[in-house]
Amino acid sequence: MKKLLIMCGTGVATSTIVTNKVKTWLKEKGLENEVQLYQSKIADEMNKIDNYDVIVSTTVVPDSIKDQVIMGVPLLTGIGTEAMYAEIEARVKA
């Protein structure tokens, strides 16, 4: 089972919105049993980033972890969601 972390600045507002959208999408794709979702704030996860297979963030992340993170802003703006979901799916199935 893959571990998917969704994080934002405080671990409350935008990460909750994105978590709900990702849960719905996972169910639609039939992937809900292949992914364990986690939700947190970036400050709590910086030293644990390697514990997750997929990371989605709605906040700016340090350059040191940028290549590991999928930006979740498309789920807030509605622009670029298909490409973002495709990247999540690729990492879940990898």
Protein backbone atom coordinates (compact mmCIF):
# COMPACT_ATOMS: atom_id res chain seq x y z
CA MET A 1 0.00 0.00 0.00
CA LYS A 2 1.30 3.44 -0.97
CA LYS A 3 1.45 6.26 1.55
CA LEU A 4 0.13 9.57 0.21
CA LEU A 5 0.70 12.73 2.23
CA ILE A 6 -1.33 15.87 1.61
CA MET A 7 0.10 18.91 3.32
CA CYS A 8 -0.42 22.64 3.55
CA GLY A 9 0.89 25.45 5.71
CA THR A 10 -1.23 24.64 8.77
CA GLY A 11 -2.53 21.14 8.04
CA VAL A 12 -6.13 22.31 8.31
CA ALA A 13 -7.80 24.33 5.56
CA THR A 14 -6.46 23.71 2.07
CA SER A 15 -5.12 20.25 2.86
CA THR A 16 -8.63 19.24 3.98
CA ILE A 17 -10.12 20.42 0.69
CA VAL A 18 -7.46 18.59 -1.31
CA THR A 19 -7.73 15.44 0.82
CA ASN A 20 -11.46 15.24 0.17
CA LYS A 21 -10.99 15.70 -3.57
CA VAL A 22 -8.20 13.11 -3.72
CA LYS A 23 -10.32 10.61 -1.72
CA THR A 24 -13.15 11.02 -4.22
CA TRP A 25 -10.77 10.67 -7.17
CA LEU A 26 -9.10 7.57 -5.70
CA LYS A 27 -12.51 5.95 -5.27
CA GLU A 28 -13.52 6.82 -8.85
CA LYS A 29 -10.26 5.29 -10.15
CA GLY A 30 -10.64 2.19 -7.97
CA LEU A 31 -7.41 2.99 -6.13
CA GLU A 32 -8.81 3.65 -2.64
CA ASN A 33 -7.55 0.29 -1.34
CA GLU A 34 -4.05 0.88 -2.69
CA VAL A 35 -3.42 4.21 -0.92
CA GLN A 36 -3.28 5.25 2.70
CA LEU A 37 -3.92 9.00 3.03
CA TYR A 38 -2.22 11.27 5.54
CA GLN A 39 -2.85 14.96 6.12
CA SER A 40 -0.48 17.33 7.90
CA LYS A 41 1.30 20.67 7.92
CA ILE A 42 4.62 21.10 6.19
CA ALA A 43 6.53 22.00 9.37
CA ASP A 44 5.66 18.63 10.92
CA GLU A 45 6.70 16.62 7.86
CA MET A 46 10.01 18.11 6.73
CA ASN A 47 12.08 15.44 8.49
CA LYS A 48 9.72 12.61 7.49
CA ILE A 49 9.29 13.26 3.76
CA ASP A 50 11.00 10.00 2.82
CA ASN A 51 8.33 8.04 4.74
CA TYR A 52 5.81 8.74 1.97
CA ASP A 53 5.49 7.44 -1.58
CA VAL A 54 3.47 10.39 -2.87
CA ILE A 55 3.39 13.94 -1.49
CA VAL A 56 0.91 16.61 -2.54
CA SER A 57 1.34 20.14 -1.21
CA THR A 58 -0.71 23.29 -1.46
CA THR A 59 2.09 25.42 -0.05
CA VAL A 60 5.57 26.32 -1.21
CA VAL A 61 8.13 23.65 -0.34
CA PRO A 62 11.90 23.98 0.10
CA ASP A 63 14.06 23.34 -2.95
CA SER A 64 15.55 20.30 -1.21
CA ILE A 65 12.26 18.38 -1.57
CA LYS A 66 10.70 20.00 -4.65
CA ASP A 67 11.39 17.00 -6.87
CA GLN A 68 9.47 14.73 -4.46
CA VAL A 69 6.36 16.93 -4.24
CA ILE A 70 3.36 17.30 -6.52
CA MET A 71 1.81 20.74 -6.26
CA GLY A 72 -1.85 20.42 -5.26
CA VAL A 73 -2.85 23.98 -6.16
CA PRO A 74 -4.72 22.77 -9.28
CA LEU A 75 -7.30 21.21 -6.97
CA LEU A 76 -7.93 24.65 -5.51
CA THR A 77 -7.95 26.59 -8.79
CA GLY A 78 -9.42 23.98 -11.13
CA ILE A 79 -6.60 24.60 -13.63
CA GLY A 80 -4.34 21.67 -14.47
CA THR A 81 -6.14 19.04 -12.40
CA GLU A 82 -5.93 16.32 -15.05
CA ALA A 83 -2.14 16.56 -15.28
CA MET A 84 -1.82 16.62 -11.50
CA TYR A 85 -4.03 13.53 -11.11
CA ALA A 86 -2.03 11.79 -13.84
CA GLU A 87 1.17 12.42 -11.89
CA ILE A 88 -0.38 11.10 -8.68
CA GLU A 89 -1.64 8.01 -10.48
CA ALA A 90 1.77 7.33 -12.00
CA ARG A 91 3.42 7.48 -8.58
CA VAL A 92 0.72 5.33 -6.95
CA LYS A 93 1.10 2.66 -9.62
CA ALA A 94 4.93 2.79 -9.68
